[in-house]
C-alpha atoms as a PDB file:
ATOM      1  CA  MET A   1       2.105  26.347  62.448  1.00  0.00           C
ATOM      2  CA  GLY A   2      -1.499  25.353  61.867  1.00  0.00           C
ATOM      3  CA  ASN A   3      -3.379  22.822  63.919  1.00  0.00           C
ATOM      4  CA  ARG A   4      -3.195  19.215  62.765  1.00  0.00           C
ATOM      5  CA  LYS A   5      -6.361  18.086  61.048  1.00  0.00           C
ATOM      6  CA  GLN A   6      -8.081  15.380  63.002  1.00  0.00           C
ATOM      7  CA  SER A   7      -8.526  11.965  61.435  1.00  0.00           C
ATOM      8  CA  PRO A   8     -11.793   9.995  61.592  1.00  0.00           C
ATOM      9  CA  PHE A   9     -10.155   7.806  64.265  1.00  0.00           C
ATOM     10  CA  ASP A  10      -9.487  10.918  66.390  1.00  0.00           C
ATOM     11  CA  ASP A  11     -13.111  11.960  65.936  1.00  0.00           C
ATOM     12  CA  LEU A  12     -14.237   8.491  67.036  1.00  0.00           C
ATOM     13  CA  ILE A  13     -12.135   8.739  70.209  1.00  0.00           C
ATOM     14  CA  GLY A  14     -13.568  12.185  70.877  1.00  0.00           C
ATOM     15  CA  ILE A  15     -17.129  10.910  70.552  1.00  0.00           C
ATOM     16  CA  ALA A  16     -16.396   7.925  72.800  1.00  0.00           C
ATOM     17  CA  ALA A  17     -14.717  10.165  75.391  1.00  0.00           C
ATOM     18  CA  SER A  18     -17.831  12.343  75.590  1.00  0.00           C
ATOM     19  CA  LEU A  19     -19.924   9.311  76.573  1.00  0.00           C
ATOM     20  CA  PRO A  20     -19.951   7.553  79.956  1.00  0.00           C
ATOM     21  CA  TRP A  21     -17.044   5.094  80.011  1.00  0.00           C
ATOM     22  CA  TRP A  22     -19.293   2.054  80.394  1.00  0.00           C
ATOM     23  CA  VAL A  23     -21.320   3.085  77.337  1.00  0.00           C
ATOM     24  CA  SER A  24     -18.137   3.320  75.241  1.00  0.00           C
ATOM     25  CA  LEU A  25     -17.034  -0.144  76.386  1.00  0.00           C
ATOM     26  CA  LEU A  26     -20.461  -1.531  75.536  1.00  0.00           C
ATOM     27  CA  LEU A  27     -20.276   0.013  72.063  1.00  0.00           C
ATOM     28  CA  ALA A  28     -16.796  -1.461  71.585  1.00  0.00           C
ATOM     29  CA  GLY A  29     -18.136  -4.957  72.189  1.00  0.00           C
ATOM     30  CA  LEU A  30     -21.216  -4.428  70.017  1.00  0.00           C
ATOM     31  CA  THR A  31     -19.279  -3.069  67.053  1.00  0.00           C
ATOM     32  CA  TYR A  32     -16.891  -6.019  67.144  1.00  0.00           C
ATOM     33  CA  LEU A  33     -19.777  -8.492  67.215  1.00  0.00           C
ATOM     34  CA  LEU A  34     -21.459  -6.725  64.299  1.00  0.00           C
ATOM     35  CA  ILE A  35     -18.389  -6.380  62.059  1.00  0.00           C
ATOM     36  CA  HIS A  36     -16.637  -9.670  62.798  1.00  0.00           C
ATOM     37  CA  PRO A  37     -19.049 -11.866  60.784  1.00  0.00           C
ATOM     38  CA  PHE A  38     -18.322  -9.819  57.635  1.00  0.00           C
ATOM     39  CA  ALA A  39     -14.560 -10.050  58.170  1.00  0.00           C
ATOM     40  CA  SER A  40     -14.634 -13.818  58.705  1.00  0.00           C
ATOM     41  CA  ALA A  41     -17.083 -14.636  55.900  1.00  0.00           C
ATOM     42  CA  PRO A  42     -15.532 -17.007  53.311  1.00  0.00           C
ATOM     43  CA  ALA A  43     -14.949 -15.740  49.795  1.00  0.00           C
ATOM     44  CA  SER A  44     -17.590 -16.886  47.316  1.00  0.00           C
ATOM     45  CA  ALA A  45     -16.404 -19.550  44.898  1.00  0.00           C
ATOM     46  CA  GLN A  46     -16.825 -17.809  41.566  1.00  0.00           C
ATOM     47  CA  SER A  47     -15.507 -19.186  38.328  1.00  0.00           C
ATOM     48  CA  ALA A  48     -12.704 -17.142  36.821  1.00  0.00           C
ATOM     49  CA  ALA A  49     -14.280 -17.674  33.398  1.00  0.00           C
ATOM     50  CA  ASN A  50     -17.520 -16.073  34.526  1.00  0.00           C
ATOM     51  CA  PHE A  51     -16.557 -12.483  33.822  1.00  0.00           C
ATOM     52  CA  GLY A  52     -20.018 -11.190  34.792  1.00  0.00           C
ATOM     53  CA  GLN A  53     -19.451 -12.168  38.438  1.00  0.00           C
ATOM     54  CA  LEU A  54     -15.905 -10.800  38.609  1.00  0.00           C
ATOM     55  CA  GLY A  55     -16.974  -7.310  39.690  1.00  0.00           C
ATOM     56  CA  SER A  56     -19.107  -8.552  42.586  1.00  0.00           C
ATOM     57  CA  ALA A  57     -16.335 -10.881  43.708  1.00  0.00           C
ATOM     58  CA  VAL A  58     -13.825  -8.005  43.813  1.00  0.00           C
ATOM     59  CA  ALA A  59     -16.299  -5.806  45.682  1.00  0.00           C
ATOM     60  CA  GLY A  60     -16.916  -8.573  48.198  1.00  0.00           C
ATOM     61  CA  GLN A  61     -13.201  -8.983  48.788  1.00  0.00           C
ATOM     62  CA  ILE A  62     -12.836  -5.226  49.348  1.00  0.00           C
ATOM     63  CA  TYR A  63     -15.654  -5.285  51.897  1.00  0.00           C
ATOM     64  CA  ARG A  64     -14.046  -8.192  53.754  1.00  0.00           C
ATOM     65  CA  THR A  65     -10.686  -6.430  53.822  1.00  0.00           C
ATOM     66  CA  VAL A  66     -12.228  -3.259  55.212  1.00  0.00           C
ATOM     67  CA  ALA A  67     -14.159  -5.282  57.796  1.00  0.00           C
ATOM     68  CA  LEU A  68     -10.974  -7.157  58.757  1.00  0.00           C
ATOM     69  CA  PHE A  69      -9.366  -3.903  59.938  1.00  0.00           C
ATOM     70  CA  ALA A  70     -12.557  -2.216  61.125  1.00  0.00           C
ATOM     71  CA  GLN A  71     -13.433  -5.045  63.514  1.00  0.00           C
ATOM     72  CA  TYR A  72     -10.397  -4.101  65.600  1.00  0.00           C
ATOM     73  CA  LEU A  73      -9.953  -0.403  64.791  1.00  0.00           C
ATOM     74  CA  ILE A  74     -13.428   0.832  65.682  1.00  0.00           C
ATOM     75  CA  PRO A  75     -13.642  -1.087  69.006  1.00  0.00           C
ATOM     76  CA  ALA A  76     -10.137   0.159  69.840  1.00  0.00           C
ATOM     77  CA  GLY A  77     -11.326   3.746  69.365  1.00  0.00           C
ATOM     78  CA  PHE A  78     -14.216   3.149  71.749  1.00  0.00           C
ATOM     79  CA  VAL A  79     -11.926   1.501  74.320  1.00  0.00           C
ATOM     80  CA  ILE A  80      -9.460   4.403  74.199  1.00  0.00           C
ATOM     81  CA  GLY A  81     -12.349   6.849  74.477  1.00  0.00           C
ATOM     82  CA  ALA A  82     -13.680   4.926  77.486  1.00  0.00           C
ATOM     83  CA  GLY A  83     -10.296   5.283  79.185  1.00  0.00           C
ATOM     84  CA  VAL A  84     -10.235   9.006  78.471  1.00  0.00           C
ATOM     85  CA  SER A  85     -13.795   9.353  79.768  1.00  0.00           C
ATOM     86  CA  ALA A  86     -12.948   7.517  82.999  1.00  0.00           C
ATOM     87  CA  LEU A  87      -9.838   9.643  83.585  1.00  0.00           C
ATOM     88  CA  GLU A  88     -11.749  12.843  82.908  1.00  0.00           C
ATOM     89  CA  ARG A  89     -14.431  11.725  85.350  1.00  0.00           C
ATOM     90  CA  VAL A  90     -11.850  11.173  88.098  1.00  0.00           C
ATOM     91  CA  LYS A  91     -10.230  14.519  87.305  1.00  0.00           C
ATOM     92  CA  ARG A  92     -13.565  16.357  87.513  1.00  0.00           C
ATOM     93  CA  LYS A  93     -14.410  14.817  90.882  1.00  0.00           C
ATOM     94  CA  ALA A  94     -11.001  15.731  92.269  1.00  0.00           C
ATOM     95  CA  LEU A  95     -11.349  19.258  90.890  1.00  0.00           C
ATOM     96  CA  LEU A  96     -14.722  19.684  92.586  1.00  0.00           C
ATOM     97  CA  GLU A  97     -13.465  18.365  95.937  1.00  0.00           C
ATOM     98  CA  ASN A  98     -10.266  20.410  95.878  1.00  0.00           C
ATOM     99  CA  THR A  99     -12.168  23.584  95.051  1.00  0.00           C
ATOM    100  CA  ALA A 100     -14.580  22.951  97.916  1.00  0.00           C
ATOM    101  CA  LYS A 101     -11.735  22.345 100.382  1.00  0.00           C
ATOM    102  CA  ALA A 102      -9.945  25.585  99.477  1.00  0.00           C
ATOM    103  CA  THR A 103     -10.551  28.480 101.836  1.00  0.00           C
ATOM    104  CA  SER A 104      -9.777  31.338  99.440  1.00  0.00           C
ATOM    105  CA  SER A 105     -12.675  33.004  97.635  1.00  0.00           C
ATOM    106  CA  GLU A 106     -10.411  33.402  94.618  1.00  0.00           C
ATOM    107  CA  THR A 107     -10.070  29.644  94.050  1.00  0.00           C
ATOM    108  CA  ALA A 108     -12.361  29.470  91.006  1.00  0.00           C
ATOM    109  CA  LYS A 109     -10.672  32.487  89.450  1.00  0.00           C
ATOM    110  CA  ALA A 110      -7.294  30.743  89.664  1.00  0.00           C
ATOM    111  CA  LEU A 111      -8.497  27.886  87.432  1.00  0.00           C
ATOM    112  CA  SER A 112      -7.860  27.784  83.709  1.00  0.00           C
ATOM    113  CA  TRP A 113     -10.856  28.229  81.403  1.00  0.00           C
ATOM    114  CA  ARG A 114     -10.793  24.497  80.627  1.00  0.00           C
ATOM    115  CA  GLU A 115     -10.724  23.532  84.318  1.00  0.00           C
ATOM    116  CA  PHE A 116     -13.537  25.970  85.012  1.00  0.00           C
ATOM    117  CA  GLU A 117     -15.718  24.323  82.339  1.00  0.00           C
ATOM    118  CA  MET A 118     -14.950  20.890  83.787  1.00  0.00           C
ATOM    119  CA  LEU A 119     -15.825  22.153  87.266  1.00  0.00           C
ATOM    120  CA  ILE A 120     -19.178  23.555  86.144  1.00  0.00           C
ATOM    121  CA  GLY A 121     -19.928  20.398  84.163  1.00  0.00           C
ATOM    122  CA  GLU A 122     -19.363  18.245  87.249  1.00  0.00           C
ATOM    123  CA  MET A 123     -21.533  20.582  89.283  1.00  0.00           C
ATOM    124  CA  PHE A 124     -24.440  20.047  86.878  1.00  0.00           C
ATOM    125  CA  ARG A 125     -23.822  16.288  86.734  1.00  0.00           C
ATOM    126  CA  ASN A 126     -24.342  16.162  90.476  1.00  0.00           C
ATOM    127  CA  LYS A 127     -27.683  17.902  89.919  1.00  0.00           C
ATOM    128  CA  GLY A 128     -28.855  15.041  87.691  1.00  0.00           C
ATOM    129  CA  TYR A 129     -28.019  16.394  84.232  1.00  0.00           C
ATOM    130  CA  ASN A 130     -26.443  14.490  81.368  1.00  0.00           C
ATOM    131  CA  VAL A 131     -23.568  16.806  80.438  1.00  0.00           C
ATOM    132  CA  LYS A 132     -21.873  17.104  77.050  1.00  0.00           C
ATOM    133  CA  GLU A 133     -18.883  19.388  76.633  1.00  0.00           C
ATOM    134  CA  THR A 134     -18.649  21.126  73.278  1.00  0.00           C
ATOM    135  CA  PRO A 135     -15.413  20.710  71.277  1.00  0.00           C
ATOM    136  CA  LYS A 136     -12.623  23.210  71.782  1.00  0.00           C
ATOM    137  CA  GLY A 137     -12.709  26.260  69.539  1.00  0.00           C
ATOM    138  CA  PRO A 138     -15.568  28.511  68.390  1.00  0.00           C
ATOM    139  CA  ASP A 139     -18.620  27.253  70.245  1.00  0.00           C
ATOM    140  CA  GLY A 140     -21.357  29.642  69.185  1.00  0.00           C
ATOM    141  CA  GLY A 141     -21.877  30.897  72.723  1.00  0.00           C
ATOM    142  CA  VAL A 142     -22.215  27.416  74.273  1.00  0.00           C
ATOM    143  CA  ASP A 143     -19.719  25.460  76.375  1.00  0.00           C
ATOM    144  CA  LEU A 144     -21.952  22.750  77.868  1.00  0.00           C
ATOM    145  CA  GLU A 145     -25.073  20.996  76.684  1.00  0.00           C
ATOM    146  CA  LEU A 146     -27.293  19.637  79.462  1.00  0.00           C
ATOM    147  CA  ARG A 147     -30.122  17.176  79.041  1.00  0.00           C
ATOM    148  CA  LYS A 148     -32.672  16.017  81.570  1.00  0.00           C
ATOM    149  CA  ALA A 149     -36.033  14.383  80.824  1.00  0.00           C
ATOM    150  CA  GLY A 150     -35.436  14.966  77.107  1.00  0.00           C
ATOM    151  CA  GLU A 151     -35.083  18.755  77.478  1.00  0.00           C
ATOM    152  CA  LEU A 152     -32.040  20.708  76.312  1.00  0.00           C
ATOM    153  CA  THR A 153     -30.316  23.303  78.463  1.00  0.00           C
ATOM    154  CA  LEU A 154     -27.325  25.348  77.284  1.00  0.00           C
ATOM    155  CA  VAL A 155     -24.515  26.708  79.450  1.00  0.00           C
ATOM    156  CA  GLN A 156     -21.958  29.390  78.709  1.00  0.00           C
ATOM    157  CA  CYS A 157     -18.947  29.582  81.059  1.00  0.00           C
ATOM    158  CA  LYS A 158     -16.949  32.781  81.453  1.00  0.00           C
ATOM    159  CA  GLN A 159     -13.758  32.485  83.453  1.00  0.00           C
ATOM    160  CA  TRP A 160     -13.116  36.225  83.643  1.00  0.00           C
ATOM    161  CA  ARG A 161     -10.941  37.506  86.475  1.00  0.00           C
ATOM    162  CA  ALA A 162     -11.517  41.230  86.141  1.00  0.00           C
ATOM    163  CA  THR A 163     -14.170  42.158  83.557  1.00  0.00           C
ATOM    164  CA  LYS A 164     -17.825  41.815  84.432  1.00  0.00           C
ATOM    165  CA  VAL A 165     -19.960  39.724  82.089  1.00  0.00           C
ATOM    166  CA  GLY A 166     -22.012  42.104  79.984  1.00  0.00           C
ATOM    167  CA  VAL A 167     -25.339  41.921  78.217  1.00  0.00           C
ATOM    168  CA  LYS A 168     -23.742  40.870  74.901  1.00  0.00           C
ATOM    169  CA  VAL A 169     -22.831  37.414  76.260  1.00  0.00           C
ATOM    170  CA  VAL A 170     -26.337  36.872  77.638  1.00  0.00           C
ATOM    171  CA  ARG A 171     -27.944  38.069  74.397  1.00  0.00           C
ATOM    172  CA  GLU A 172     -25.803  35.682  72.328  1.00  0.00           C
ATOM    173  CA  LEU A 173     -26.808  32.735  74.501  1.00  0.00           C
ATOM    174  CA  PHE A 174     -30.473  33.665  74.174  1.00  0.00           C
ATOM    175  CA  GLY A 175     -30.127  33.632  70.380  1.00  0.00           C
ATOM    176  CA  VAL A 176     -28.558  30.162  70.411  1.00  0.00           C
ATOM    177  CA  MET A 177     -31.288  28.924  72.745  1.00  0.00           C
ATOM    178  CA  ALA A 178     -33.973  30.094  70.342  1.00  0.00           C
ATOM    179  CA  ALA A 179     -32.194  28.529  67.355  1.00  0.00           C
ATOM    180  CA  ARG A 180     -31.715  25.143  69.041  1.00  0.00           C
ATOM    181  CA  GLY A 181     -34.974  24.965  70.953  1.00  0.00           C
ATOM    182  CA  ALA A 182     -33.389  24.949  74.421  1.00  0.00           C
ATOM    183  CA  VAL A 183     -35.777  25.295  77.353  1.00  0.00           C
ATOM    184  CA  HIS A 184     -33.284  27.007  79.642  1.00  0.00           C
ATOM    185  CA  GLY A 185     -29.866  28.616  79.667  1.00  0.00           C
ATOM    186  CA  TYR A 186     -27.131  29.361  82.195  1.00  0.00           C
ATOM    187  CA  VAL A 187     -24.323  31.890  82.122  1.00  0.00           C
ATOM    188  CA  VAL A 188     -21.754  30.989  84.767  1.00  0.00           C
ATOM    189  CA  THR A 189     -18.812  33.198  85.661  1.00  0.00           C
ATOM    190  CA  THR A 190     -16.091  33.445  88.272  1.00  0.00           C
ATOM    191  CA  GLY A 191     -16.828  37.158  88.583  1.00  0.00           C
ATOM    192  CA  GLU A 192     -19.983  39.251  88.385  1.00  0.00           C
ATOM    193  CA  PHE A 193     -22.601  40.490  85.901  1.00  0.00           C
ATOM    194  CA  THR A 194     -23.407  43.995  84.781  1.00  0.00           C
ATOM    195  CA  PRO A 195     -26.831  45.438  85.656  1.00  0.00           C
ATOM    196  CA  GLU A 196     -27.744  45.383  81.951  1.00  0.00           C
ATOM    197  CA  ALA A 197     -27.012  41.633  81.744  1.00  0.00           C
ATOM    198  CA  ILE A 198     -29.127  40.950  84.837  1.00  0.00           C
ATOM    199  CA  LYS A 199     -32.023  42.989  83.441  1.00  0.00           C
ATOM    200  CA  PHE A 200     -31.906  41.253  80.049  1.00  0.00           C
ATOM    201  CA  ALA A 201     -31.941  37.762  81.605  1.00  0.00           C
ATOM    202  CA  GLN A 202     -35.103  38.454  83.588  1.00  0.00           C
ATOM    203  CA  GLY A 203     -38.125  36.689  82.115  1.00  0.00           C
ATOM    204  CA  ARG A 204     -36.112  34.870  79.439  1.00  0.00           C
ATOM    205  CA  ASN A 205     -35.406  31.477  81.116  1.00  0.00           C
ATOM    206  CA  ILE A 206     -31.761  32.423  81.581  1.00  0.00           C
ATOM    207  CA  SER A 207     -30.091  32.010  84.965  1.00  0.00           C
ATOM    208  CA  LEU A 208     -26.990  34.013  85.839  1.00  0.00           C
ATOM    209  CA  ILE A 209     -24.597  32.383  88.317  1.00  0.00           C
ATOM    210  CA  ASP A 210     -21.738  34.506  89.650  1.00  0.00           C
ATOM    211  CA  GLY A 211     -18.546  33.373  91.370  1.00  0.00           C
ATOM    212  CA  GLN A 212     -19.926  33.462  94.901  1.00  0.00           C
ATOM    213  CA  ALA A 213     -22.943  31.365  93.901  1.00  0.00           C
ATOM    214  CA  VAL A 214     -20.614  28.830  92.243  1.00  0.00           C
ATOM    215  CA  GLU A 215     -18.549  28.425  95.414  1.00  0.00           C
ATOM    216  CA  ARG A 216     -21.668  28.091  97.586  1.00  0.00           C
ATOM    217  CA  GLU A 217     -23.118  25.378  95.317  1.00  0.00           C
ATOM    218  CA  ILE A 218     -19.845  23.438  95.192  1.00  0.00           C
ATOM    219  CA  ARG A 219     -19.507  23.473  98.970  1.00  0.00           C
ATOM    220  CA  ARG A 220     -23.144  22.447  99.367  1.00  0.00           C
ATOM    221  CA  GLN A 221     -22.676  19.478  97.035  1.00  0.00           C
ATOM    222  CA  THR A 222     -19.481  18.243  98.667  1.00  0.00           C
ATOM    223  CA  GLU A 223     -20.910  18.642 102.167  1.00  0.00           C
ATOM    224  CA  SER A 224     -24.034  16.766 101.095  1.00  0.00           C
ATOM    225  CA  LYS A 225     -21.912  13.908  99.716  1.00  0.00           C
ATOM    226  CA  SER A 226     -19.861  13.827 102.915  1.00  0.00           C
ATOM    227  CA  ASN A 227     -23.004  13.639 105.046  1.00  0.00           C
ATOM    228  CA  VAL A 228     -24.422  10.842 102.900  1.00  0.00           C
ATOM    229  CA  THR A 229     -21.159   8.910 103.187  1.00  0.00           C
ATOM    230  CA  HIS A 230     -21.039   9.279 106.976  1.00  0.00           C
ATOM    231  CA  LEU A 231     -24.703   8.258 107.240  1.00  0.00           C
ATOM    232  CA  ARG A 232     -24.083   5.190 105.061  1.00  0.00           C
ATOM    233  CA  ILE A 233     -21.115   4.157 107.216  1.00  0.00           C
ATOM    234  CA  ALA A 234     -23.124   4.626 110.419  1.00  0.00           C
ATOM    235  CA  ARG A 235     -25.982   2.531 109.055  1.00  0.00           C
ATOM    236  CA  GLN A 236     -23.584  -0.211 107.976  1.00  0.00           C
ATOM    237  CA  GLN A 237     -21.930  -0.274 111.391  1.00  0.00           C
ATOM    238  CA  LYS A 238     -25.341  -0.482 113.057  1.00  0.00           C
ATOM    239  CA  ARG A 239     -26.350  -3.400 110.825  1.00  0.00           C
ATOM    240  CA  GLU A 240     -23.093  -5.205 111.554  1.00  0.00           C
ATOM    241  CA  LYS A 241     -23.545  -4.615 115.284  1.00  0.00           C
ATOM    242  CA  ASN A 242     -27.064  -6.036 115.186  1.00  0.00           C
ATOM    243  CA  LYS A 243     -25.897  -9.068 113.223  1.00  0.00           C
ATOM    244  CA  TRP A 244     -23.012  -9.843 115.601  1.00  0.00           C
ATOM    245  CA  THR A 245     -23.680 -12.515 118.235  1.00  0.00           C
ATOM    246  CA  PRO A 246     -20.785 -13.450 120.520  1.00  0.00           C
ATOM    247  CA  THR A 247     -20.163 -17.144 120.004  1.00  0.00           C
ATOM    248  CA  THR A 248     -17.950 -17.424 123.094  1.00  0.00           C
ATOM    249  CA  GLN A 249     -20.258 -15.698 125.529  1.00  0.00           C
ATOM    250  CA  ILE A 250     -20.394 -17.579 128.872  1.00  0.00           C
ATOM    251  CA  GLY A 251     -23.618 -17.570 130.822  1.00  0.00           C
ATOM    252  CA  PRO A 252     -24.152 -18.532 134.467  1.00  0.00           C
ATOM    253  CA  ASN A 253     -25.432 -22.007 133.579  1.00  0.00           C
ATOM    254  CA  GLU A 254     -22.352 -22.721 131.444  1.00  0.00           C
ATOM    255  CA  LEU A 255     -20.138 -22.324 134.506  1.00  0.00           C
ATOM    256  CA  SER A 256     -21.976 -25.138 136.293  1.00  0.00           C
ATOM    257  CA  PRO A 257     -20.863 -28.767 136.041  1.00  0.00           C
ATOM    258  CA  PRO A 258     -22.874 -31.120 133.806  1.00  0.00           C
ATOM    259  CA  ALA A 259     -25.997 -32.642 135.393  1.00  0.00           C
ATOM    260  CA  PRO A 260     -25.449 -36.177 136.791  1.00  0.00           C
ATOM    261  CA  GLN A 261     -27.939 -39.038 136.840  1.00  0.00           C
ATOM    262  CA  CYS A 262     -30.006 -39.804 139.934  1.00  0.00           C
ATOM    263  CA  PRO A 263     -28.407 -42.618 141.991  1.00  0.00           C
ATOM    264  CA  ARG A 264     -31.894 -43.954 142.853  1.00  0.00           C
ATOM    265  CA  CYS A 265     -33.915 -43.964 139.613  1.00  0.00           C
ATOM    266  CA  GLY A 266     -31.304 -43.134 136.949  1.00  0.00           C
ATOM    267  CA  ASN A 267     -33.119 -40.012 135.582  1.00  0.00           C
ATOM    268  CA  ASN A 268     -31.380 -36.702 135.012  1.00  0.00           C
ATOM    269  CA  MET A 269     -30.917 -34.407 137.957  1.00  0.00           C
ATOM    270  CA  ILE A 270     -31.370 -30.620 138.135  1.00  0.00           C
ATOM    271  CA  GLN A 271     -29.916 -27.942 140.358  1.00  0.00           C
ATOM    272  CA  ARG A 272     -32.011 -26.977 143.326  1.00  0.00           C
ATOM    273  CA  VAL A 273     -31.494 -24.685 146.329  1.00  0.00           C
ATOM    274  CA  ALA A 274     -32.090 -25.921 149.866  1.00  0.00           C
ATOM    275  CA  LYS A 275     -34.826 -23.894 151.551  1.00  0.00           C
ATOM    276  CA  LYS A 276     -34.366 -25.097 155.139  1.00  0.00           C
ATOM    277  CA  GLY A 277     -32.093 -27.014 157.390  1.00  0.00           C
ATOM    278  CA  ALA A 278     -28.354 -26.659 157.859  1.00  0.00           C
ATOM    279  CA  SER A 279     -27.808 -26.354 154.079  1.00  0.00           C
ATOM    280  CA  ALA A 280     -30.427 -23.610 153.537  1.00  0.00           C
ATOM    281  CA  GLY A 281     -29.478 -21.367 150.594  1.00  0.00           C
ATOM    282  CA  LYS A 282     -26.941 -23.811 149.205  1.00  0.00           C
ATOM    283  CA  PRO A 283     -27.360 -25.510 145.766  1.00  0.00           C
ATOM    284  CA  PHE A 284     -27.573 -29.288 145.396  1.00  0.00           C
ATOM    285  CA  TRP A 285     -28.526 -31.841 142.757  1.00  0.00           C
ATOM    286  CA  GLY A 286     -32.112 -33.038 143.031  1.00  0.00           C
ATOM    287  CA  CYS A 287     -33.874 -35.689 140.978  1.00  0.00           C
ATOM    288  CA  SER A 288     -35.982 -34.312 138.148  1.00  0.00           C
ATOM    289  CA  GLN A 289     -38.750 -36.756 139.130  1.00  0.00           C
ATOM    290  CA  TYR A 290     -39.226 -35.163 142.576  1.00  0.00           C
ATOM    291  CA  PRO A 291     -41.503 -35.742 144.538  1.00  0.00           C
ATOM    292  CA  LYS A 292     -41.754 -39.262 143.139  1.00  0.00           C
ATOM    293  CA  CYS A 293     -38.018 -39.694 143.740  1.00  0.00           C
ATOM    294  CA  HIS A 294     -36.095 -38.011 146.559  1.00  0.00           C
ATOM    295  CA  GLY A 295     -32.640 -38.745 145.235  1.00  0.00           C
ATOM    296  CA  THR A 296     -30.034 -36.000 145.935  1.00  0.00           C
ATOM    297  CA  LEU A 297     -26.309 -35.417 145.390  1.00  0.00           C
ATOM    298  CA  PRO A 298     -24.027 -32.641 146.605  1.00  0.00           C
ATOM    299  CA  ILE A 299     -22.583 -30.230 144.048  1.00  0.00           C
ATOM    300  CA  LYS A 300     -18.809 -30.480 143.945  1.00  0.00           C
END
């Protein structure tokens, strides 16, 4: 049985899913705002007897009918695509983390070809590239399109468990790069490359990444993210610690009774320590106006 032909609505969802989810949601809102005025525009009052205006009136009604459905259908396609994009983003992150946590060197080889492409796409996203995955099917030697600073980079992924990637694959990618004006190209595999492929790539702006290099890069990225997260948490805890001031802290002065008033002059009294006599070393209340006033009280 042949594959079902995709409808324009399916194509719209596919385009929206290839964009960041927030971009698709933004486009959903913009398209509704642009189409809604046409759908809600009142029909022009044309006289039925005026046959010359009949054609334009019918055309206007057709446009309004199309806009009436399009104002909901097109935004719905973008919203669905945004959901797909968000789910794919979560799946890619989980795939990257799970691959990094695995201890077996055969982890990448155990992935399906689709999962391997998603894994490599996420790896390049973390390196600052805008990644676009090509549609399923014949891809002309390209699985991923990378863009950074306006420059195009093409990636071919080969999830081959046993066969080494030969020079034919690298030569095909180089031809597509020349045709599309790409500044760089990558061939990424779970296995290895033949000596002929390595020799052909030299001096042609093509980087060959084998399975071991893929696993090293994935572990480096996940470890880097983990270190950044721990550093961010430590900095936040330090800031919170510096902000915190105990509101119930009790100092030595707070344990003392409130200062009374001098029985002689009525001014406030302060704590003093006797320096001589039988009470030497003991605290007492002394008038704050000393030596003008010699009023004293014992501390109870």
